Amino acid sequence: MTPMKIGLPGLGSTTEKIIVQAERAEADGFCSLWYATGVGADPMTAMALAGRATARIELGTAIMQTYACHPVLQATRTIAAAEAIGTPGRFTLGVGPSHDVFVEGIMGLSYEHPGRHTEEYVQVLAPLLRGERVAFAGEEFRVNAGPIAGAADVGVQLLVSALAPRLLRIAGTYADGTVLWLGNARAIADHVKPRIEQAATAAGRPSPRIVAGLPVAVHDDVNEARNAAAEQFSVYASLPNYLRLLERGGVSAPAEAAIVGDESSVADQITALFDAGATDVWAAPFPVGSDKSASRSRTRALLKELAQHENSTR
């Protein structure tokens, strides 16, 4: 069987729930948890506490919005959270420019140049996370800062939410890889992997991580599962960045990218992600049918089995 590093979405409306989830996920053999900006309002503090309550599991953000936080502040708060965990290499920072509906519609900021903004942001952030001084003068940022105490000791990896060619180049050139959402096996093999690896090679950087996130439901009725996915993930169908990535994968809607089917089919589809070039998968279980708890439990049981198989082969 292809080696599988399986993670889950980080969930919880309170710090206590986030800690309990992390403890359970680690006990069940999952490799990682991935937290969105809005988890627990702001997941950084809760992630640090969850890290202190666990020993091995990787805790990553997927993603922290770049526009909402200056890269120097993002670096200092990330290093503080990673230091609080106490074990180097367990905190991974995923960042991305989000979408105009959030940046302009909610924060009232310009989303005119998201590619340029992200490229400059990462050029400031990446060396700060490595413990280096930054002297940078660009069109979006002018920074003279660092080094930040303790940065070199905590081993934070930086991932970029890279869906389009420019951001994949940025991720490969300056960061440790990319964290995706709704990129299926075809999109990874044909679009993500070639571009990010070419950029990393040209920059003399190690082979990048490709952390693939997708909705997953183990359910015998595939049509019912896809209908449920269409309802639960409809918001992504309105966001152009995701629609372009879906098109790269040969599908037109989030429900078509979702991994659904019985245990054997879902296991095969997850294996296909790794075969396509994913280094990690974070699987987001979603419920199908009237018994939502039983549906989630069935999906989680398979994911746990896959994760534990990976641990047993290390």
C-alpha atoms as a PDB file:
ATOM      1  CA  MET A   1       0.000   0.000   0.000  1.00  0.00           C
ATOM      2  CA  THR A   2       1.186   3.546  -0.765  1.00  0.00           C
ATOM      3  CA  PRO A   3       2.412   5.298   2.416  1.00  0.00           C
ATOM      4  CA  MET A   4      -0.326   7.635   3.637  1.00  0.00           C
ATOM      5  CA  LYS A   5       0.072  10.584   5.974  1.00  0.00           C
ATOM      6  CA  ILE A   6      -3.552  11.223   6.936  1.00  0.00           C
ATOM      7  CA  GLY A   7      -4.766  14.290   8.798  1.00  0.00           C
ATOM      8  CA  LEU A   8      -8.092  15.838   9.741  1.00  0.00           C
ATOM      9  CA  PRO A   9      -9.517  19.359   9.820  1.00  0.00           C
ATOM     10  CA  GLY A  10      -8.979  21.065  13.152  1.00  0.00           C
ATOM     11  CA  LEU A  11     -12.362  21.723  14.704  1.00  0.00           C
ATOM     12  CA  GLY A  12     -13.801  23.235  17.835  1.00  0.00           C
ATOM     13  CA  SER A  13     -15.615  26.378  18.936  1.00  0.00           C
ATOM     14  CA  THR A  14     -13.766  26.525  22.251  1.00  0.00           C
ATOM     15  CA  THR A  15     -10.188  25.956  23.358  1.00  0.00           C
ATOM     16  CA  GLU A  16     -11.222  22.938  25.421  1.00  0.00           C
ATOM     17  CA  LYS A  17     -12.877  21.274  22.424  1.00  0.00           C
ATOM     18  CA  ILE A  18      -9.818  21.922  20.268  1.00  0.00           C
ATOM     19  CA  ILE A  19      -7.570  20.313  22.897  1.00  0.00           C
ATOM     20  CA  VAL A  20      -9.834  17.273  23.267  1.00  0.00           C
ATOM     21  CA  GLN A  21      -9.949  16.787  19.483  1.00  0.00           C
ATOM     22  CA  ALA A  22      -6.164  16.944  19.239  1.00  0.00           C
ATOM     23  CA  GLU A  23      -5.727  14.383  22.018  1.00  0.00           C
ATOM     24  CA  ARG A  24      -8.177  12.012  20.357  1.00  0.00           C
ATOM     25  CA  ALA A  25      -6.694  12.463  16.880  1.00  0.00           C
ATOM     26  CA  GLU A  26      -3.200  11.703  18.151  1.00  0.00           C
ATOM     27  CA  ALA A  27      -4.415   8.651  20.082  1.00  0.00           C
ATOM     28  CA  ASP A  28      -6.116   7.383  16.919  1.00  0.00           C
ATOM     29  CA  GLY A  29      -2.911   7.653  14.894  1.00  0.00           C
ATOM     30  CA  PHE A  30      -3.644  10.684  12.713  1.00  0.00           C
ATOM     31  CA  CYS A  31      -0.560  12.574  11.573  1.00  0.00           C
ATOM     32  CA  SER A  32      -1.925  16.105  11.577  1.00  0.00           C
ATOM     33  CA  LEU A  33      -4.735  18.571  12.178  1.00  0.00           C
ATOM     34  CA  TRP A  34      -5.356  21.583   9.913  1.00  0.00           C
ATOM     35  CA  TYR A  35      -7.091  24.685  11.267  1.00  0.00           C
ATOM     36  CA  ALA A  36      -8.912  27.380   9.319  1.00  0.00           C
ATOM     37  CA  THR A  37      -8.668  31.041  10.322  1.00  0.00           C
ATOM     38  CA  GLY A  38     -12.084  31.029  11.941  1.00  0.00           C
ATOM     39  CA  VAL A  39     -11.676  27.962  14.175  1.00  0.00           C
ATOM     40  CA  GLY A  40     -12.067  29.126  17.764  1.00  0.00           C
ATOM     41  CA  ALA A  41     -12.224  32.686  16.351  1.00  0.00           C
ATOM     42  CA  ASP A  42      -8.407  32.563  15.965  1.00  0.00           C
ATOM     43  CA  PRO A  43      -6.812  29.130  16.328  1.00  0.00           C
ATOM     44  CA  MET A  44      -3.238  30.088  17.246  1.00  0.00           C
ATOM     45  CA  THR A  45      -3.569  30.127  21.046  1.00  0.00           C
ATOM     46  CA  ALA A  46      -5.722  27.001  21.153  1.00  0.00           C
ATOM     47  CA  MET A  47      -3.296  25.221  18.823  1.00  0.00           C
ATOM     48  CA  ALA A  48      -0.427  26.007  21.190  1.00  0.00           C
ATOM     49  CA  LEU A  49      -2.372  24.587  24.124  1.00  0.00           C
ATOM     50  CA  ALA A  50      -3.387  21.532  22.079  1.00  0.00           C
ATOM     51  CA  GLY A  51       0.265  21.046  21.220  1.00  0.00           C
ATOM     52  CA  ARG A  52       1.229  21.051  24.890  1.00  0.00           C
ATOM     53  CA  ALA A  53      -1.469  18.454  25.579  1.00  0.00           C
ATOM     54  CA  THR A  54      -0.127  16.114  22.870  1.00  0.00           C
ATOM     55  CA  ALA A  55       3.277  14.717  21.987  1.00  0.00           C
ATOM     56  CA  ARG A  56       3.555  13.993  18.267  1.00  0.00           C
ATOM     57  CA  ILE A  57       0.716  15.245  16.087  1.00  0.00           C
ATOM     58  CA  GLU A  58       1.472  18.070  13.640  1.00  0.00           C
ATOM     59  CA  LEU A  59      -0.708  21.159  14.007  1.00  0.00           C
ATOM     60  CA  GLY A  60      -1.052  23.355  10.936  1.00  0.00           C
ATOM     61  CA  THR A  61      -3.123  26.265   9.691  1.00  0.00           C
ATOM     62  CA  ALA A  62      -5.084  25.934   6.467  1.00  0.00           C
ATOM     63  CA  ILE A  63      -5.026  28.776   6.178  1.00  0.00           C
ATOM     64  CA  MET A  64      -4.232  32.061   7.940  1.00  0.00           C
ATOM     65  CA  GLN A  65      -5.278  34.963   5.724  1.00  0.00           C
ATOM     66  CA  THR A  66      -2.355  37.151   4.702  1.00  0.00           C
ATOM     67  CA  TYR A  67      -4.302  40.390   4.338  1.00  0.00           C
ATOM     68  CA  ALA A  68      -5.536  40.247   7.933  1.00  0.00           C
ATOM     69  CA  CYS A  69      -2.060  40.162   9.510  1.00  0.00           C
ATOM     70  CA  HIS A  70       1.228  41.900   8.656  1.00  0.00           C
ATOM     71  CA  PRO A  71       3.968  39.341   7.878  1.00  0.00           C
ATOM     72  CA  VAL A  72       6.174  40.524  10.764  1.00  0.00           C
ATOM     73  CA  LEU A  73       3.318  40.078  13.221  1.00  0.00           C
ATOM     74  CA  GLN A  74       2.432  36.761  11.594  1.00  0.00           C
ATOM     75  CA  ALA A  75       6.000  35.574  12.127  1.00  0.00           C
ATOM     76  CA  THR A  76       6.217  36.656  15.771  1.00  0.00           C
ATOM     77  CA  ARG A  77       2.878  35.154  16.782  1.00  0.00           C
ATOM     78  CA  THR A  78       3.657  31.922  14.912  1.00  0.00           C
ATOM     79  CA  ILE A  79       7.026  31.540  16.591  1.00  0.00           C
ATOM     80  CA  ALA A  80       5.429  32.210  19.983  1.00  0.00           C
ATOM     81  CA  ALA A  81       2.816  29.511  19.372  1.00  0.00           C
ATOM     82  CA  ALA A  82       5.412  27.029  18.138  1.00  0.00           C
ATOM     83  CA  GLU A  83       7.652  27.726  21.130  1.00  0.00           C
ATOM     84  CA  ALA A  84       4.730  27.166  23.505  1.00  0.00           C
ATOM     85  CA  ILE A  85       4.199  23.669  22.077  1.00  0.00           C
ATOM     86  CA  GLY A  86       7.703  22.806  23.202  1.00  0.00           C
ATOM     87  CA  THR A  87       8.570  20.215  20.549  1.00  0.00           C
ATOM     88  CA  PRO A  88      10.301  21.580  17.436  1.00  0.00           C
ATOM     89  CA  GLY A  89       8.762  20.860  14.053  1.00  0.00           C
ATOM     90  CA  ARG A  90       5.165  20.295  15.126  1.00  0.00           C
ATOM     91  CA  PHE A  91       3.700  23.681  14.156  1.00  0.00           C
ATOM     92  CA  THR A  92       3.183  24.363  10.436  1.00  0.00           C
ATOM     93  CA  LEU A  93       1.988  27.713   9.153  1.00  0.00           C
ATOM     94  CA  GLY A  94      -0.200  27.692   6.055  1.00  0.00           C
ATOM     95  CA  VAL A  95      -0.980  31.130   4.634  1.00  0.00           C
ATOM     96  CA  GLY A  96      -2.920  32.418   1.671  1.00  0.00           C
ATOM     97  CA  PRO A  97      -4.540  35.555   0.246  1.00  0.00           C
ATOM     98  CA  SER A  98      -8.104  34.254   0.693  1.00  0.00           C
ATOM     99  CA  HIS A  99     -10.724  35.720  -1.685  1.00  0.00           C
ATOM    100  CA  ASP A 100     -11.996  39.141  -2.683  1.00  0.00           C
ATOM    101  CA  VAL A 101     -15.367  38.533  -1.031  1.00  0.00           C
ATOM    102  CA  PHE A 102     -13.580  38.372   2.335  1.00  0.00           C
ATOM    103  CA  VAL A 103     -10.718  40.817   1.773  1.00  0.00           C
ATOM    104  CA  GLU A 104     -12.740  43.555   0.108  1.00  0.00           C
ATOM    105  CA  GLY A 105     -16.247  42.662   1.225  1.00  0.00           C
ATOM    106  CA  ILE A 106     -15.500  42.104   4.926  1.00  0.00           C
ATOM    107  CA  MET A 107     -12.173  43.828   5.686  1.00  0.00           C
ATOM    108  CA  GLY A 108     -12.539  46.668   3.187  1.00  0.00           C
ATOM    109  CA  LEU A 109      -9.040  46.172   1.782  1.00  0.00           C
ATOM    110  CA  SER A 110      -7.957  46.173  -1.852  1.00  0.00           C
ATOM    111  CA  TYR A 111      -7.705  42.768  -3.542  1.00  0.00           C
ATOM    112  CA  GLU A 112      -6.347  44.251  -6.758  1.00  0.00           C
ATOM    113  CA  HIS A 113      -3.001  42.418  -6.722  1.00  0.00           C
ATOM    114  CA  PRO A 114      -3.304  39.179  -4.710  1.00  0.00           C
ATOM    115  CA  GLY A 115      -0.408  37.513  -6.540  1.00  0.00           C
ATOM    116  CA  ARG A 116       2.003  40.386  -5.931  1.00  0.00           C
ATOM    117  CA  HIS A 117       0.781  40.763  -2.367  1.00  0.00           C
ATOM    118  CA  THR A 118       1.345  37.071  -1.626  1.00  0.00           C
ATOM    119  CA  GLU A 119       4.759  36.957  -3.264  1.00  0.00           C
ATOM    120  CA  GLU A 120       6.040  39.890  -1.226  1.00  0.00           C
ATOM    121  CA  TYR A 121       4.348  38.632   1.937  1.00  0.00           C
ATOM    122  CA  VAL A 122       6.052  35.247   1.699  1.00  0.00           C
ATOM    123  CA  GLN A 123       9.429  36.819   0.888  1.00  0.00           C
ATOM    124  CA  VAL A 124       9.187  38.713   4.182  1.00  0.00           C
ATOM    125  CA  LEU A 125       7.660  35.925   6.248  1.00  0.00           C
ATOM    126  CA  ALA A 126       9.796  32.940   5.213  1.00  0.00           C
ATOM    127  CA  PRO A 127      13.201  34.243   6.333  1.00  0.00           C
ATOM    128  CA  LEU A 128      11.754  35.582   9.580  1.00  0.00           C
ATOM    129  CA  LEU A 129      10.459  32.095  10.392  1.00  0.00           C
ATOM    130  CA  ARG A 130      13.966  30.753   9.759  1.00  0.00           C
ATOM    131  CA  GLY A 131      15.477  33.226  12.227  1.00  0.00           C
ATOM    132  CA  GLU A 132      16.974  35.564   9.629  1.00  0.00           C
ATOM    133  CA  ARG A 133      16.956  39.342   9.352  1.00  0.00           C
ATOM    134  CA  VAL A 134      14.818  40.807   6.563  1.00  0.00           C
ATOM    135  CA  ALA A 135      15.470  43.994   4.630  1.00  0.00           C
ATOM    136  CA  PHE A 136      12.805  44.119   1.941  1.00  0.00           C
ATOM    137  CA  ALA A 137      11.477  46.935  -0.216  1.00  0.00           C
ATOM    138  CA  GLY A 138       8.601  46.089  -2.519  1.00  0.00           C
ATOM    139  CA  GLU A 139       5.395  47.606  -3.796  1.00  0.00           C
ATOM    140  CA  GLU A 140       3.247  46.063  -1.053  1.00  0.00           C
ATOM    141  CA  PHE A 141       5.686  45.888   1.884  1.00  0.00           C
ATOM    142  CA  ARG A 142       8.752  47.746   3.141  1.00  0.00           C
ATOM    143  CA  VAL A 143      10.260  45.815   6.031  1.00  0.00           C
ATOM    144  CA  ASN A 144      13.449  45.996   8.043  1.00  0.00           C
ATOM    145  CA  ALA A 145      13.067  43.472  10.846  1.00  0.00           C
ATOM    146  CA  GLY A 146      14.440  40.505  12.700  1.00  0.00           C
ATOM    147  CA  PRO A 147      15.948  38.202  13.511  1.00  0.00           C
ATOM    148  CA  ILE A 148      13.211  37.003  15.863  1.00  0.00           C
ATOM    149  CA  ALA A 149      14.477  35.300  18.997  1.00  0.00           C
ATOM    150  CA  GLY A 150      13.860  31.563  19.061  1.00  0.00           C
ATOM    151  CA  ALA A 151      12.795  31.263  15.427  1.00  0.00           C
ATOM    152  CA  ALA A 152      15.641  28.976  14.425  1.00  0.00           C
ATOM    153  CA  ASP A 153      14.874  26.604  17.295  1.00  0.00           C
ATOM    154  CA  VAL A 154      11.162  25.865  16.702  1.00  0.00           C
ATOM    155  CA  GLY A 155      11.330  24.497  13.145  1.00  0.00           C
ATOM    156  CA  VAL A 156       8.171  26.055  11.686  1.00  0.00           C
ATOM    157  CA  GLN A 157       7.417  24.981   8.119  1.00  0.00           C
ATOM    158  CA  LEU A 158       5.693  27.466   5.810  1.00  0.00           C
ATOM    159  CA  LEU A 159       3.078  26.372   3.274  1.00  0.00           C
ATOM    160  CA  VAL A 160       1.224  28.561   0.791  1.00  0.00           C
ATOM    161  CA  SER A 161      -2.353  28.007  -0.321  1.00  0.00           C
ATOM    162  CA  ALA A 162      -1.375  27.834  -3.980  1.00  0.00           C
ATOM    163  CA  LEU A 163      -4.140  27.161  -6.493  1.00  0.00           C
ATOM    164  CA  ALA A 164      -2.935  29.109  -9.536  1.00  0.00           C
ATOM    165  CA  PRO A 165       0.397  28.960 -11.407  1.00  0.00           C
ATOM    166  CA  ARG A 166       1.869  32.125  -9.875  1.00  0.00           C
ATOM    167  CA  LEU A 167       1.173  31.032  -6.304  1.00  0.00           C
ATOM    168  CA  LEU A 168       2.553  27.571  -7.030  1.00  0.00           C
ATOM    169  CA  ARG A 169       5.751  29.236  -8.217  1.00  0.00           C
ATOM    170  CA  ILE A 170       5.829  31.307  -5.026  1.00  0.00           C
ATOM    171  CA  ALA A 171       5.241  28.236  -2.862  1.00  0.00           C
ATOM    172  CA  GLY A 172       8.008  26.280  -4.561  1.00  0.00           C
ATOM    173  CA  THR A 173      10.484  29.143  -4.639  1.00  0.00           C
ATOM    174  CA  TYR A 174      10.155  30.578  -1.139  1.00  0.00           C
ATOM    175  CA  ALA A 175       8.166  28.173   1.041  1.00  0.00           C
ATOM    176  CA  ASP A 176       8.174  24.504   2.054  1.00  0.00           C
ATOM    177  CA  GLY A 177       5.210  23.559  -0.115  1.00  0.00           C
ATOM    178  CA  THR A 178       1.501  24.099  -0.544  1.00  0.00           C
ATOM    179  CA  VAL A 179      -1.686  23.288   1.314  1.00  0.00           C
ATOM    180  CA  LEU A 180      -4.679  22.715  -0.966  1.00  0.00           C
ATOM    181  CA  TRP A 181      -8.426  22.491  -0.741  1.00  0.00           C
ATOM    182  CA  LEU A 182     -10.499  20.809  -3.476  1.00  0.00           C
ATOM    183  CA  GLY A 183      -7.528  19.752  -5.572  1.00  0.00           C
ATOM    184  CA  ASN A 184      -8.246  16.206  -6.778  1.00  0.00           C
ATOM    185  CA  ALA A 185      -5.709  13.655  -8.019  1.00  0.00           C
ATOM    186  CA  ARG A 186      -5.808  14.913 -11.604  1.00  0.00           C
ATOM    187  CA  ALA A 187      -5.274  18.522 -10.528  1.00  0.00           C
ATOM    188  CA  ILE A 188      -2.323  17.489  -8.360  1.00  0.00           C
ATOM    189  CA  ALA A 189      -0.675  15.321 -11.014  1.00  0.00           C
ATOM    190  CA  ASP A 190      -1.184  17.634 -13.999  1.00  0.00           C
ATOM    191  CA  HIS A 191      -1.136  21.108 -12.432  1.00  0.00           C
ATOM    192  CA  VAL A 192       0.161  21.330  -8.859  1.00  0.00           C
ATOM    193  CA  LYS A 193       3.056  18.885  -8.707  1.00  0.00           C
ATOM    194  CA  PRO A 194       4.856  19.825 -11.962  1.00  0.00           C
ATOM    195  CA  ARG A 195       4.714  23.555 -11.288  1.00  0.00           C
ATOM    196  CA  ILE A 196       5.678  23.561  -7.632  1.00  0.00           C
ATOM    197  CA  GLU A 197       8.485  21.049  -8.131  1.00  0.00           C
ATOM    198  CA  GLN A 198       9.879  22.990 -11.088  1.00  0.00           C
ATOM    199  CA  ALA A 199       9.931  26.159  -8.967  1.00  0.00           C
ATOM    200  CA  ALA A 200      11.578  24.416  -6.019  1.00  0.00           C
ATOM    201  CA  THR A 201      14.229  22.862  -8.238  1.00  0.00           C
ATOM    202  CA  ALA A 202      15.011  26.180  -9.911  1.00  0.00           C
ATOM    203  CA  ALA A 203      15.398  27.807  -6.486  1.00  0.00           C
ATOM    204  CA  GLY A 204      17.597  24.994  -5.175  1.00  0.00           C
ATOM    205  CA  ARG A 205      15.064  24.062  -2.522  1.00  0.00           C
ATOM    206  CA  PRO A 206      14.082  20.592  -1.268  1.00  0.00           C
ATOM    207  CA  SER A 207      11.162  18.705  -2.777  1.00  0.00           C
ATOM    208  CA  PRO A 208       8.048  20.571  -1.599  1.00  0.00           C
ATOM    209  CA  ARG A 209       5.176  19.236   0.450  1.00  0.00           C
ATOM    210  CA  ILE A 210       1.769  18.981  -1.210  1.00  0.00           C
ATOM    211  CA  VAL A 211      -0.890  18.804   1.489  1.00  0.00           C
ATOM    212  CA  ALA A 212      -4.199  17.937  -0.173  1.00  0.00           C
ATOM    213  CA  GLY A 213      -7.512  18.647   1.524  1.00  0.00           C
ATOM    214  CA  LEU A 214     -10.802  17.196   0.278  1.00  0.00           C
ATOM    215  CA  PRO A 215     -14.284  16.422   1.632  1.00  0.00           C
ATOM    216  CA  VAL A 216     -14.680  12.695   2.341  1.00  0.00           C
ATOM    217  CA  ALA A 217     -17.724  10.538   3.067  1.00  0.00           C
ATOM    218  CA  VAL A 218     -17.903   6.753   3.264  1.00  0.00           C
ATOM    219  CA  HIS A 219     -21.398   6.005   2.000  1.00  0.00           C
ATOM    220  CA  ASP A 220     -22.848   3.296  -0.209  1.00  0.00           C
ATOM    221  CA  ASP A 221     -25.067   5.592  -2.279  1.00  0.00           C
ATOM    222  CA  VAL A 222     -22.643   7.752  -4.273  1.00  0.00           C
ATOM    223  CA  ASN A 223     -25.362   9.976  -5.733  1.00  0.00           C
ATOM    224  CA  GLU A 224     -26.771  10.717  -2.293  1.00  0.00           C
ATOM    225  CA  ALA A 225     -23.269  11.521  -1.038  1.00  0.00           C
ATOM    226  CA  ARG A 226     -22.576  13.895  -3.917  1.00  0.00           C
ATOM    227  CA  ASN A 227     -25.905  15.643  -3.365  1.00  0.00           C
ATOM    228  CA  ALA A 228     -24.994  16.116   0.291  1.00  0.00           C
ATOM    229  CA  ALA A 229     -21.588  17.478  -0.707  1.00  0.00           C
ATOM    230  CA  ALA A 230     -23.202  19.873  -3.180  1.00  0.00           C
ATOM    231  CA  GLU A 231     -25.347  21.282  -0.379  1.00  0.00           C
ATOM    232  CA  GLN A 232     -22.664  21.460   2.306  1.00  0.00           C
ATOM    233  CA  PHE A 233     -19.841  22.870   0.168  1.00  0.00           C
ATOM    234  CA  SER A 234     -21.853  25.135  -2.124  1.00  0.00           C
ATOM    235  CA  VAL A 235     -19.976  28.260  -0.992  1.00  0.00           C
ATOM    236  CA  TYR A 236     -16.834  27.126  -2.820  1.00  0.00           C
ATOM    237  CA  ALA A 237     -18.727  27.034  -6.103  1.00  0.00           C
ATOM    238  CA  SER A 238     -18.974  30.827  -5.902  1.00  0.00           C
ATOM    239  CA  LEU A 239     -15.239  31.455  -5.452  1.00  0.00           C
ATOM    240  CA  PRO A 240     -13.293  31.833  -8.730  1.00  0.00           C
ATOM    241  CA  ASN A 241      -9.975  30.585  -7.293  1.00  0.00           C
ATOM    242  CA  TYR A 242     -11.503  27.235  -6.387  1.00  0.00           C
ATOM    243  CA  LEU A 243     -13.437  26.978  -9.630  1.00  0.00           C
ATOM    244  CA  ARG A 244     -10.202  27.293 -11.590  1.00  0.00           C
ATOM    245  CA  LEU A 245      -8.579  24.533  -9.523  1.00  0.00           C
ATOM    246  CA  LEU A 246     -11.628  22.310  -9.974  1.00  0.00           C
ATOM    247  CA  GLU A 247     -11.385  22.863 -13.729  1.00  0.00           C
ATOM    248  CA  ARG A 248      -7.748  21.734 -13.591  1.00  0.00           C
ATOM    249  CA  GLY A 249      -9.048  18.522 -12.072  1.00  0.00           C
ATOM    250  CA  GLY A 250     -11.580  17.979 -14.834  1.00  0.00           C
ATOM    251  CA  VAL A 251     -14.624  18.742 -12.690  1.00  0.00           C
ATOM    252  CA  SER A 252     -16.905  21.745 -12.399  1.00  0.00           C
ATOM    253  CA  ALA A 253     -18.223  21.676  -8.833  1.00  0.00           C
ATOM    254  CA  PRO A 254     -17.005  20.878  -5.308  1.00  0.00           C
ATOM    255  CA  ALA A 255     -19.292  17.857  -5.077  1.00  0.00           C
ATOM    256  CA  GLU A 256     -17.535  16.277  -8.054  1.00  0.00           C
ATOM    257  CA  ALA A 257     -14.155  16.618  -6.338  1.00  0.00           C
ATOM    258  CA  ALA A 258     -15.384  15.108  -3.057  1.00  0.00           C
ATOM    259  CA  ILE A 259     -14.184  11.593  -2.224  1.00  0.00           C
ATOM    260  CA  VAL A 260     -17.239   9.390  -1.757  1.00  0.00           C
ATOM    261  CA  GLY A 261     -18.112   5.698  -1.940  1.00  0.00           C
ATOM    262  CA  ASP A 262     -17.805   2.586   0.175  1.00  0.00           C
ATOM    263  CA  GLU A 263     -14.693   1.792   2.214  1.00  0.00           C
ATOM    264  CA  SER A 264     -12.799   0.183  -0.652  1.00  0.00           C
ATOM    265  CA  SER A 265     -13.592   2.969  -3.108  1.00  0.00           C
ATOM    266  CA  VAL A 266     -12.675   5.757  -0.697  1.00  0.00           C
ATOM    267  CA  ALA A 267      -9.411   4.046   0.221  1.00  0.00           C
ATOM    268  CA  ASP A 268      -8.565   3.746  -3.480  1.00  0.00           C
ATOM    269  CA  GLN A 269      -9.354   7.429  -4.104  1.00  0.00           C
ATOM    270  CA  ILE A 270      -7.177   8.531  -1.197  1.00  0.00           C
ATOM    271  CA  THR A 271      -4.374   6.298  -2.450  1.00  0.00           C
ATOM    272  CA  ALA A 272      -4.732   7.978  -5.851  1.00  0.00           C
ATOM    273  CA  LEU A 273      -4.008  11.360  -4.252  1.00  0.00           C
ATOM    274  CA  PHE A 274      -0.678  10.082  -2.963  1.00  0.00           C
ATOM    275  CA  ASP A 275       0.092   8.396  -6.272  1.00  0.00           C
ATOM    276  CA  ALA A 276      -0.565  11.737  -7.977  1.00  0.00           C
ATOM    277  CA  GLY A 277       2.021  13.491  -5.820  1.00  0.00           C
ATOM    278  CA  ALA A 278       0.376  14.491  -2.542  1.00  0.00           C
ATOM    279  CA  THR A 279       2.711  14.110   0.435  1.00  0.00           C
ATOM    280  CA  ASP A 280      -0.106  14.485   2.968  1.00  0.00           C
ATOM    281  CA  VAL A 281      -3.896  14.362   2.873  1.00  0.00           C
ATOM    282  CA  TRP A 282      -6.225  16.109   5.256  1.00  0.00           C
ATOM    283  CA  ALA A 283      -9.591  14.479   4.893  1.00  0.00           C
ATOM    284  CA  ALA A 284     -12.676  16.438   5.939  1.00  0.00           C
ATOM    285  CA  PRO A 285     -15.462  13.986   6.861  1.00  0.00           C
ATOM    286  CA  PHE A 286     -18.947  15.230   6.038  1.00  0.00           C
ATOM    287  CA  PRO A 287     -22.256  13.595   6.966  1.00  0.00           C
ATOM    288  CA  VAL A 288     -24.650  11.931   4.549  1.00  0.00           C
ATOM    289  CA  GLY A 289     -28.172  10.777   5.365  1.00  0.00           C
ATOM    290  CA  SER A 290     -30.406  11.210   8.387  1.00  0.00           C
ATOM    291  CA  ASP A 291     -27.999   9.818  10.978  1.00  0.00           C
ATOM    292  CA  LYS A 292     -25.191  12.357  10.751  1.00  0.00           C
ATOM    293  CA  SER A 293     -23.271  10.984  13.725  1.00  0.00           C
ATOM    294  CA  ALA A 294     -23.208   7.446  12.324  1.00  0.00           C
ATOM    295  CA  SER A 295     -22.161   8.757   8.915  1.00  0.00           C
ATOM    296  CA  ARG A 296     -19.223  10.707  10.329  1.00  0.00           C
ATOM    297  CA  SER A 297     -18.228   7.761  12.491  1.00  0.00           C
ATOM    298  CA  ARG A 298     -18.110   5.389   9.518  1.00  0.00           C
ATOM    299  CA  THR A 299     -15.902   7.784   7.566  1.00  0.00           C
ATOM    300  CA  ARG A 300     -13.627   8.450  10.512  1.00  0.00           C
ATOM    301  CA  ALA A 301     -13.237   4.729  11.174  1.00  0.00           C
ATOM    302  CA  LEU A 302     -11.834   4.179   7.681  1.00  0.00           C
ATOM    303  CA  LEU A 303      -9.537   7.197   7.927  1.00  0.00           C
ATOM    304  CA  LYS A 304      -8.305   5.948  11.297  1.00  0.00           C
ATOM    305  CA  GLU A 305      -7.566   2.541   9.767  1.00  0.00           C
ATOM    306  CA  LEU A 306      -5.578   4.149   6.948  1.00  0.00           C
ATOM    307  CA  ALA A 307      -3.674   6.386   9.365  1.00  0.00           C
ATOM    308  CA  GLN A 308      -2.833   3.504  11.694  1.00  0.00           C
ATOM    309  CA  HIS A 309      -1.623   1.398   8.781  1.00  0.00           C
ATOM    310  CA  GLU A 310       0.766   4.217   7.867  1.00  0.00           C
ATOM    311  CA  ASN A 311       2.054   4.380  11.456  1.00  0.00           C
ATOM    312  CA  SER A 312       2.608   0.620  11.552  1.00  0.00           C
ATOM    313  CA  THR A 313       4.786   0.750   8.424  1.00  0.00           C
ATOM    314  CA  ARG A 314       7.129   3.499   9.650  1.00  0.00           C
END
